[in-house]
């Protein structure tokens, strides 16, 4: 299974929902807490300027936020991306 990275903060409900969805699917993910400004700037650079959390990557592919992740799940595309 490809590496999944979730950039998040401590009190973000959308981050919690994204992580819950991934856990329900049995996906192990790397969480990067961006409460620290240096980590947030690294996330912004990697996410093409997006500052909101969560920012989710499957491998090197930027998925976007929770709504984007959920849309992939709803359309049946998430499993294929995770299996790469």
PDB file of N, CA and C in Angstrom:
ATOM      1  N   UNK A   1       0.851  -1.179   0.000  1.00  0.00           N
ATOM      2  CA  UNK A   1       0.000   0.000   0.000  1.00  0.00           C
ATOM      3  C   UNK A   1       0.892   1.235   0.000  1.00  0.00           C
ATOM      4  N   UNK A   2       0.491   2.230  -0.727  1.00  0.00           N
ATOM      5  CA  UNK A   2       1.237   3.468  -0.866  1.00  0.00           C
ATOM      6  C   UNK A   2       1.177   4.273   0.438  1.00  0.00           C
ATOM      7  N   UNK A   3       2.200   5.095   0.675  1.00  0.00           N
ATOM      8  CA  UNK A   3       2.234   5.912   1.887  1.00  0.00           C
ATOM      9  C   UNK A   3       1.221   7.042   1.801  1.00  0.00           C
ATOM     10  N   UNK A   4       0.488   7.246   2.886  1.00  0.00           N
ATOM     11  CA  UNK A   4      -0.494   8.324   2.977  1.00  0.00           C
ATOM     12  C   UNK A   4      -0.017   9.295   4.049  1.00  0.00           C
ATOM     13  N   UNK A   5      -0.057  10.588   3.728  1.00  0.00           N
ATOM     14  CA  UNK A   5       0.335  11.627   4.676  1.00  0.00           C
ATOM     15  C   UNK A   5      -0.841  12.564   4.879  1.00  0.00           C
ATOM     16  N   UNK A   6      -1.151  12.824   6.147  1.00  0.00           N
ATOM     17  CA  UNK A   6      -2.234  13.746   6.505  1.00  0.00           C
ATOM     18  C   UNK A   6      -1.632  14.885   7.319  1.00  0.00           C
ATOM     19  N   UNK A   7      -1.690  16.085   6.766  1.00  0.00           N
ATOM     20  CA  UNK A   7      -1.279  17.280   7.497  1.00  0.00           C
ATOM     21  C   UNK A   7      -2.495  17.763   8.267  1.00  0.00           C
ATOM     22  N   UNK A   8      -2.333  17.988   9.577  1.00  0.00           N
ATOM     23  CA  UNK A   8      -3.493  18.318  10.404  1.00  0.00           C
ATOM     24  C   UNK A   8      -3.106  19.233  11.555  1.00  0.00           C
ATOM     25  N   UNK A   9      -4.130  19.647  12.291  1.00  0.00           N
ATOM     26  CA  UNK A   9      -3.937  20.387  13.538  1.00  0.00           C
ATOM     27  C   UNK A   9      -4.692  19.657  14.642  1.00  0.00           C
ATOM     28  N   UNK A  10      -4.497  20.100  15.870  1.00  0.00           N
ATOM     29  CA  UNK A  10      -5.086  19.406  17.018  1.00  0.00           C
ATOM     30  C   UNK A  10      -6.612  19.488  17.083  1.00  0.00           C
ATOM     31  N   UNK A  11      -7.176  20.593  16.639  1.00  0.00           N
ATOM     32  CA  UNK A  11      -8.606  20.806  16.873  1.00  0.00           C
ATOM     33  C   UNK A  11      -9.407  20.956  15.588  1.00  0.00           C
ATOM     34  N   UNK A  12      -9.039  20.241  14.562  1.00  0.00           N
ATOM     35  CA  UNK A  12      -9.688  20.348  13.259  1.00  0.00           C
ATOM     36  C   UNK A  12     -10.667  19.186  13.068  1.00  0.00           C
ATOM     37  N   UNK A  13     -11.979  19.473  13.020  1.00  0.00           N
ATOM     38  CA  UNK A  13     -12.941  18.375  12.854  1.00  0.00           C
ATOM     39  C   UNK A  13     -12.814  17.665  11.502  1.00  0.00           C
ATOM     40  N   UNK A  14     -12.421  18.387  10.470  1.00  0.00           N
ATOM     41  CA  UNK A  14     -12.260  17.741   9.164  1.00  0.00           C
ATOM     42  C   UNK A  14     -11.042  16.827   9.154  1.00  0.00           C
ATOM     43  N   UNK A  15     -10.023  17.185   9.913  1.00  0.00           N
ATOM     44  CA  UNK A  15      -8.859  16.314  10.057  1.00  0.00           C
ATOM     45  C   UNK A  15      -9.277  15.009  10.732  1.00  0.00           C
ATOM     46  N   UNK A  16     -10.056  15.130  11.787  1.00  0.00           N
ATOM     47  CA  UNK A  16     -10.541  13.954  12.504  1.00  0.00           C
ATOM     48  C   UNK A  16     -11.364  13.062  11.581  1.00  0.00           C
ATOM     49  N   UNK A  17     -12.223  13.651  10.787  1.00  0.00           N
ATOM     50  CA  UNK A  17     -13.059  12.863   9.863  1.00  0.00           C
ATOM     51  C   UNK A  17     -12.211  12.166   8.806  1.00  0.00           C
ATOM     52  N   UNK A  18     -11.194  12.846   8.295  1.00  0.00           N
ATOM     53  CA  UNK A  18     -10.314  12.235   7.293  1.00  0.00           C
ATOM     54  C   UNK A  18      -9.562  11.051   7.896  1.00  0.00           C
ATOM     55  N   UNK A  19      -9.016  11.240   9.091  1.00  0.00           N
ATOM     56  CA  UNK A  19      -8.269  10.170   9.745  1.00  0.00           C
ATOM     57  C   UNK A  19      -9.188   9.001  10.086  1.00  0.00           C
ATOM     58  N   UNK A  20     -10.418   9.289  10.504  1.00  0.00           N
ATOM     59  CA  UNK A  20     -11.380   8.225  10.793  1.00  0.00           C
ATOM     60  C   UNK A  20     -11.699   7.413   9.540  1.00  0.00           C
ATOM     61  N   UNK A  21     -11.905   8.086   8.422  1.00  0.00           N
ATOM     62  CA  UNK A  21     -12.183   7.388   7.160  1.00  0.00           C
ATOM     63  C   UNK A  21     -11.018   6.470   6.796  1.00  0.00           C
ATOM     64  N   UNK A  22      -9.815   6.980   6.894  1.00  0.00           N
ATOM     65  CA  UNK A  22      -8.644   6.165   6.571  1.00  0.00           C
ATOM     66  C   UNK A  22      -8.510   4.979   7.528  1.00  0.00           C
ATOM     67  N   UNK A  23      -8.731   5.194   8.811  1.00  0.00           N
ATOM     68  CA  UNK A  23      -8.656   4.099   9.791  1.00  0.00           C
ATOM     69  C   UNK A  23      -9.707   3.029   9.506  1.00  0.00           C
ATOM     70  N   UNK A  24     -10.933   3.448   9.172  1.00  0.00           N
ATOM     71  CA  UNK A  24     -11.999   2.478   8.858  1.00  0.00           C
ATOM     72  C   UNK A  24     -11.622   1.615   7.666  1.00  0.00           C
ATOM     73  N   UNK A  25     -10.853   2.166   6.758  1.00  0.00           N
ATOM     74  CA  UNK A  25     -10.411   1.424   5.584  1.00  0.00           C
ATOM     75  C   UNK A  25      -9.150   0.601   5.868  1.00  0.00           C
ATOM     76  N   UNK A  26      -8.622   0.709   7.088  1.00  0.00           N
ATOM     77  CA  UNK A  26      -7.429  -0.039   7.452  1.00  0.00           C
ATOM     78  C   UNK A  26      -6.142   0.561   6.909  1.00  0.00           C
ATOM     79  N   UNK A  27      -6.184   1.853   6.601  1.00  0.00           N
ATOM     80  CA  UNK A  27      -5.029   2.539   6.019  1.00  0.00           C
ATOM     81  C   UNK A  27      -4.168   3.125   7.139  1.00  0.00           C
ATOM     82  N   UNK A  28      -2.901   2.775   7.110  1.00  0.00           N
ATOM     83  CA  UNK A  28      -1.952   3.409   8.027  1.00  0.00           C
ATOM     84  C   UNK A  28      -1.477   4.689   7.349  1.00  0.00           C
ATOM     85  N   UNK A  29      -1.369   5.741   8.122  1.00  0.00           N
ATOM     86  CA  UNK A  29      -0.984   7.028   7.547  1.00  0.00           C
ATOM     87  C   UNK A  29       0.009   7.717   8.461  1.00  0.00           C
ATOM     88  N   UNK A  30       0.768   8.603   7.862  1.00  0.00           N
ATOM     89  CA  UNK A  30       1.706   9.442   8.603  1.00  0.00           C
ATOM     90  C   UNK A  30       0.998  10.762   8.854  1.00  0.00           C
ATOM     91  N   UNK A  31       0.918  11.163  10.103  1.00  0.00           N
ATOM     92  CA  UNK A  31       0.284  12.432  10.453  1.00  0.00           C
ATOM     93  C   UNK A  31       1.358  13.468  10.751  1.00  0.00           C
ATOM     94  N   UNK A  32       1.208  14.638  10.154  1.00  0.00           N
ATOM     95  CA  UNK A  32       2.128  15.744  10.392  1.00  0.00           C
ATOM     96  C   UNK A  32       1.308  16.883  10.994  1.00  0.00           C
ATOM     97  N   UNK A  33       1.565  17.172  12.259  1.00  0.00           N
ATOM     98  CA  UNK A  33       0.855  18.253  12.935  1.00  0.00           C
ATOM     99  C   UNK A  33       1.488  19.574  12.526  1.00  0.00           C
ATOM    100  N   UNK A  34       0.675  20.469  11.975  1.00  0.00           N
ATOM    101  CA  UNK A  34       1.193  21.734  11.464  1.00  0.00           C
ATOM    102  C   UNK A  34       0.881  22.913  12.387  1.00  0.00           C
ATOM    103  N   UNK A  35       0.752  22.637  13.683  1.00  0.00           N
ATOM    104  CA  UNK A  35       0.609  23.719  14.657  1.00  0.00           C
ATOM    105  C   UNK A  35       1.878  24.574  14.664  1.00  0.00           C
ATOM    106  N   UNK A  36       3.000  23.943  14.352  1.00  0.00           N
ATOM    107  CA  UNK A  36       4.290  24.624  14.263  1.00  0.00           C
ATOM    108  C   UNK A  36       4.374  25.344  12.914  1.00  0.00           C
ATOM    109  N   UNK A  37       4.789  26.586  12.915  1.00  0.00           N
ATOM    110  CA  UNK A  37       4.800  27.417  11.696  1.00  0.00           C
ATOM    111  C   UNK A  37       5.701  26.846  10.606  1.00  0.00           C
ATOM    112  N   UNK A  38       6.842  26.288  10.983  1.00  0.00           N
ATOM    113  CA  UNK A  38       7.757  25.729   9.978  1.00  0.00           C
ATOM    114  C   UNK A  38       7.109  24.543   9.263  1.00  0.00           C
ATOM    115  N   UNK A  39       6.431  23.680  10.014  1.00  0.00           N
ATOM    116  CA  UNK A  39       5.741  22.536   9.386  1.00  0.00           C
ATOM    117  C   UNK A  39       4.584  23.014   8.519  1.00  0.00           C
ATOM    118  N   UNK A  40       3.870  24.042   8.963  1.00  0.00           N
ATOM    119  CA  UNK A  40       2.764  24.570   8.156  1.00  0.00           C
ATOM    120  C   UNK A  40       3.294  25.116   6.830  1.00  0.00           C
ATOM    121  N   UNK A  41       4.392  25.848   6.876  1.00  0.00           N
ATOM    122  CA  UNK A  41       4.962  26.392   5.638  1.00  0.00           C
ATOM    123  C   UNK A  41       5.405  25.277   4.696  1.00  0.00           C
ATOM    124  N   UNK A  42       5.949  24.197   5.252  1.00  0.00           N
ATOM    125  CA  UNK A  42       6.333  23.045   4.420  1.00  0.00           C
ATOM    126  C   UNK A  42       5.098  22.435   3.771  1.00  0.00           C
ATOM    127  N   UNK A  43       3.988  22.355   4.524  1.00  0.00           N
ATOM    128  CA  UNK A  43       2.737  21.836   3.971  1.00  0.00           C
ATOM    129  C   UNK A  43       2.235  22.739   2.854  1.00  0.00           C
ATOM    130  N   UNK A  44       2.251  24.045   3.083  1.00  0.00           N
ATOM    131  CA  UNK A  44       1.773  25.008   2.084  1.00  0.00           C
ATOM    132  C   UNK A  44       2.581  24.872   0.797  1.00  0.00           C
ATOM    133  N   UNK A  45       3.885  24.733   0.926  1.00  0.00           N
ATOM    134  CA  UNK A  45       4.738  24.542  -0.248  1.00  0.00           C
ATOM    135  C   UNK A  45       4.363  23.265  -0.990  1.00  0.00           C
ATOM    136  N   UNK A  46       4.210  22.192  -0.256  1.00  0.00           N
ATOM    137  CA  UNK A  46       3.900  20.895  -0.879  1.00  0.00           C
ATOM    138  C   UNK A  46       2.500  20.873  -1.479  1.00  0.00           C
ATOM    139  N   UNK A  47       1.562  21.584  -0.850  1.00  0.00           N
ATOM    140  CA  UNK A  47       0.160  21.572  -1.280  1.00  0.00           C
ATOM    141  C   UNK A  47      -0.163  22.675  -2.281  1.00  0.00           C
ATOM    142  N   UNK A  48       0.836  23.267  -2.881  1.00  0.00           N
ATOM    143  CA  UNK A  48       0.597  24.269  -3.910  1.00  0.00           C
ATOM    144  C   UNK A  48      -0.058  25.537  -3.413  1.00  0.00           C
ATOM    145  N   UNK A  49       0.274  25.933  -2.181  1.00  0.00           N
ATOM    146  CA  UNK A  49      -0.250  27.185  -1.641  1.00  0.00           C
ATOM    147  C   UNK A  49      -1.480  27.037  -0.759  1.00  0.00           C
ATOM    148  N   UNK A  50      -2.037  25.859  -0.673  1.00  0.00           N
ATOM    149  CA  UNK A  50      -3.217  25.669   0.193  1.00  0.00           C
ATOM    150  C   UNK A  50      -2.790  25.686   1.651  1.00  0.00           C
ATOM    151  N   UNK A  51      -3.494  26.490   2.457  1.00  0.00           N
ATOM    152  CA  UNK A  51      -3.135  26.681   3.860  1.00  0.00           C
ATOM    153  C   UNK A  51      -4.073  25.953   4.816  1.00  0.00           C
ATOM    154  N   UNK A  52      -5.225  25.481   4.329  1.00  0.00           N
ATOM    155  CA  UNK A  52      -6.197  24.848   5.210  1.00  0.00           C
ATOM    156  C   UNK A  52      -5.807  23.400   5.499  1.00  0.00           C
ATOM    157  N   UNK A  53      -6.332  22.890   6.586  1.00  0.00           N
ATOM    158  CA  UNK A  53      -6.116  21.491   6.941  1.00  0.00           C
ATOM    159  C   UNK A  53      -7.453  20.765   6.964  1.00  0.00           C
ATOM    160  N   UNK A  54      -7.445  19.486   6.705  1.00  0.00           N
ATOM    161  CA  UNK A  54      -6.274  18.683   6.385  1.00  0.00           C
ATOM    162  C   UNK A  54      -5.837  18.871   4.935  1.00  0.00           C
ATOM    163  N   UNK A  55      -4.592  18.565   4.695  1.00  0.00           N
ATOM    164  CA  UNK A  55      -4.073  18.393   3.343  1.00  0.00           C
ATOM    165  C   UNK A  55      -3.583  16.951   3.296  1.00  0.00           C
ATOM    166  N   UNK A  56      -4.066  16.206   2.315  1.00  0.00           N
ATOM    167  CA  UNK A  56      -3.837  14.768   2.263  1.00  0.00           C
ATOM    168  C   UNK A  56      -3.085  14.421   0.986  1.00  0.00           C
ATOM    169  N   UNK A  57      -2.071  13.568   1.156  1.00  0.00           N
ATOM    170  CA  UNK A  57      -1.287  13.079   0.034  1.00  0.00           C
ATOM    171  C   UNK A  57      -1.328  11.561   0.037  1.00  0.00           C
ATOM    172  N   UNK A  58      -1.543  10.997  -1.131  1.00  0.00           N
ATOM    173  CA  UNK A  58      -1.427   9.550  -1.322  1.00  0.00           C
ATOM    174  C   UNK A  58      -0.211   9.360  -2.212  1.00  0.00           C
ATOM    175  N   UNK A  59       0.844   8.817  -1.628  1.00  0.00           N
ATOM    176  CA  UNK A  59       2.129   8.824  -2.313  1.00  0.00           C
ATOM    177  C   UNK A  59       2.540  10.275  -2.474  1.00  0.00           C
ATOM    178  N   UNK A  60       2.911  10.643  -3.683  1.00  0.00           N
ATOM    179  CA  UNK A  60       3.269  12.042  -3.960  1.00  0.00           C
ATOM    180  C   UNK A  60       2.090  12.831  -4.523  1.00  0.00           C
ATOM    181  N   UNK A  61       0.956  12.165  -4.726  1.00  0.00           N
ATOM    182  CA  UNK A  61      -0.210  12.829  -5.311  1.00  0.00           C
ATOM    183  C   UNK A  61      -1.005  13.580  -4.251  1.00  0.00           C
ATOM    184  N   UNK A  62      -1.223  14.857  -4.489  1.00  0.00           N
ATOM    185  CA  UNK A  62      -1.997  15.694  -3.581  1.00  0.00           C
ATOM    186  C   UNK A  62      -3.482  15.430  -3.822  1.00  0.00           C
ATOM    187  N   UNK A  63      -4.155  14.931  -2.798  1.00  0.00           N
ATOM    188  CA  UNK A  63      -5.587  14.650  -2.886  1.00  0.00           C
ATOM    189  C   UNK A  63      -6.393  15.906  -2.596  1.00  0.00           C
ATOM    190  N   UNK A  64      -5.948  16.691  -1.614  1.00  0.00           N
ATOM    191  CA  UNK A  64      -6.684  17.874  -1.179  1.00  0.00           C
ATOM    192  C   UNK A  64      -7.106  17.689   0.262  1.00  0.00           C
ATOM    193  N   UNK A  65      -8.316  18.152   0.585  1.00  0.00           N
ATOM    194  CA  UNK A  65      -8.823  18.077   1.945  1.00  0.00           C
ATOM    195  C   UNK A  65      -9.789  16.929   2.147  1.00  0.00           C
ATOM    196  N   UNK A  66     -10.530  16.990   3.258  1.00  0.00           N
ATOM    197  CA  UNK A  66     -11.463  15.912   3.582  1.00  0.00           C
ATOM    198  C   UNK A  66     -12.524  15.745   2.504  1.00  0.00           C
ATOM    199  N   UNK A  67     -13.097  16.844   2.032  1.00  0.00           N
ATOM    200  CA  UNK A  67     -14.148  16.737   1.009  1.00  0.00           C
ATOM    201  C   UNK A  67     -13.635  16.016  -0.234  1.00  0.00           C
ATOM    202  N   UNK A  68     -12.404  16.282  -0.613  1.00  0.00           N
ATOM    203  CA  UNK A  68     -11.808  15.629  -1.774  1.00  0.00           C
ATOM    204  C   UNK A  68     -11.595  14.137  -1.512  1.00  0.00           C
ATOM    205  N   UNK A  69     -11.109  13.811  -0.310  1.00  0.00           N
ATOM    206  CA  UNK A  69     -10.903  12.415   0.067  1.00  0.00           C
ATOM    207  C   UNK A  69     -12.237  11.668   0.068  1.00  0.00           C
ATOM    208  N   UNK A  70     -13.253  12.283   0.646  1.00  0.00           N
ATOM    209  CA  UNK A  70     -14.570  11.652   0.716  1.00  0.00           C
ATOM    210  C   UNK A  70     -15.154  11.453  -0.686  1.00  0.00           C
ATOM    211  N   UNK A  71     -14.964  12.416  -1.566  1.00  0.00           N
ATOM    212  CA  UNK A  71     -15.458  12.290  -2.941  1.00  0.00           C
ATOM    213  C   UNK A  71     -14.799  11.103  -3.641  1.00  0.00           C
ATOM    214  N   UNK A  72     -13.504  10.901  -3.416  1.00  0.00           N
ATOM    215  CA  UNK A  72     -12.822   9.744  -3.993  1.00  0.00           C
ATOM    216  C   UNK A  72     -13.410   8.449  -3.457  1.00  0.00           C
ATOM    217  N   UNK A  73     -13.699   8.413  -2.171  1.00  0.00           N
ATOM    218  CA  UNK A  73     -14.307   7.224  -1.562  1.00  0.00           C
ATOM    219  C   UNK A  73     -15.693   6.972  -2.139  1.00  0.00           C
ATOM    220  N   UNK A  74     -16.486   8.031  -2.244  1.00  0.00           N
ATOM    221  CA  UNK A  74     -17.867   7.924  -2.722  1.00  0.00           C
ATOM    222  C   UNK A  74     -17.936   7.426  -4.169  1.00  0.00           C
ATOM    223  N   UNK A  75     -16.962   7.822  -4.992  1.00  0.00           N
ATOM    224  CA  UNK A  75     -16.968   7.418  -6.400  1.00  0.00           C
ATOM    225  C   UNK A  75     -16.205   6.110  -6.638  1.00  0.00           C
ATOM    226  N   UNK A  76     -15.661   5.515  -5.565  1.00  0.00           N
ATOM    227  CA  UNK A  76     -14.965   4.245  -5.695  1.00  0.00           C
ATOM    228  C   UNK A  76     -13.536   4.350  -6.198  1.00  0.00           C
ATOM    229  N   UNK A  77     -12.967   5.543  -6.228  1.00  0.00           N
ATOM    230  CA  UNK A  77     -11.617   5.741  -6.765  1.00  0.00           C
ATOM    231  C   UNK A  77     -10.533   5.659  -5.684  1.00  0.00           C
ATOM    232  N   UNK A  78     -10.914   5.781  -4.422  1.00  0.00           N
ATOM    233  CA  UNK A  78      -9.919   5.826  -3.351  1.00  0.00           C
ATOM    234  C   UNK A  78      -9.147   4.510  -3.230  1.00  0.00           C
ATOM    235  N   UNK A  79      -9.836   3.386  -3.295  1.00  0.00           N
ATOM    236  CA  UNK A  79      -9.169   2.109  -3.140  1.00  0.00           C
ATOM    237  C   UNK A  79      -8.093   1.894  -4.193  1.00  0.00           C
ATOM    238  N   UNK A  80      -8.366   2.280  -5.417  1.00  0.00           N
ATOM    239  CA  UNK A  80      -7.385   2.130  -6.502  1.00  0.00           C
ATOM    240  C   UNK A  80      -6.159   2.997  -6.234  1.00  0.00           C
ATOM    241  N   UNK A  81      -6.375   4.200  -5.729  1.00  0.00           N
ATOM    242  CA  UNK A  81      -5.244   5.089  -5.438  1.00  0.00           C
ATOM    243  C   UNK A  81      -4.389   4.514  -4.305  1.00  0.00           C
ATOM    244  N   UNK A  82      -5.043   3.922  -3.320  1.00  0.00           N
ATOM    245  CA  UNK A  82      -4.327   3.369  -2.175  1.00  0.00           C
ATOM    246  C   UNK A  82      -3.547   2.115  -2.539  1.00  0.00           C
ATOM    247  N   UNK A  83      -3.988   1.403  -3.558  1.00  0.00           N
ATOM    248  CA  UNK A  83      -3.372   0.135  -3.950  1.00  0.00           C
ATOM    249  C   UNK A  83      -2.147   0.325  -4.843  1.00  0.00           C
ATOM    250  N   UNK A  84      -1.842   1.515  -5.265  1.00  0.00           N
ATOM    251  CA  UNK A  84      -0.719   1.770  -6.176  1.00  0.00           C
ATOM    252  C   UNK A  84       0.590   1.316  -5.604  1.00  0.00           C
TER     253      UNK A  84
END
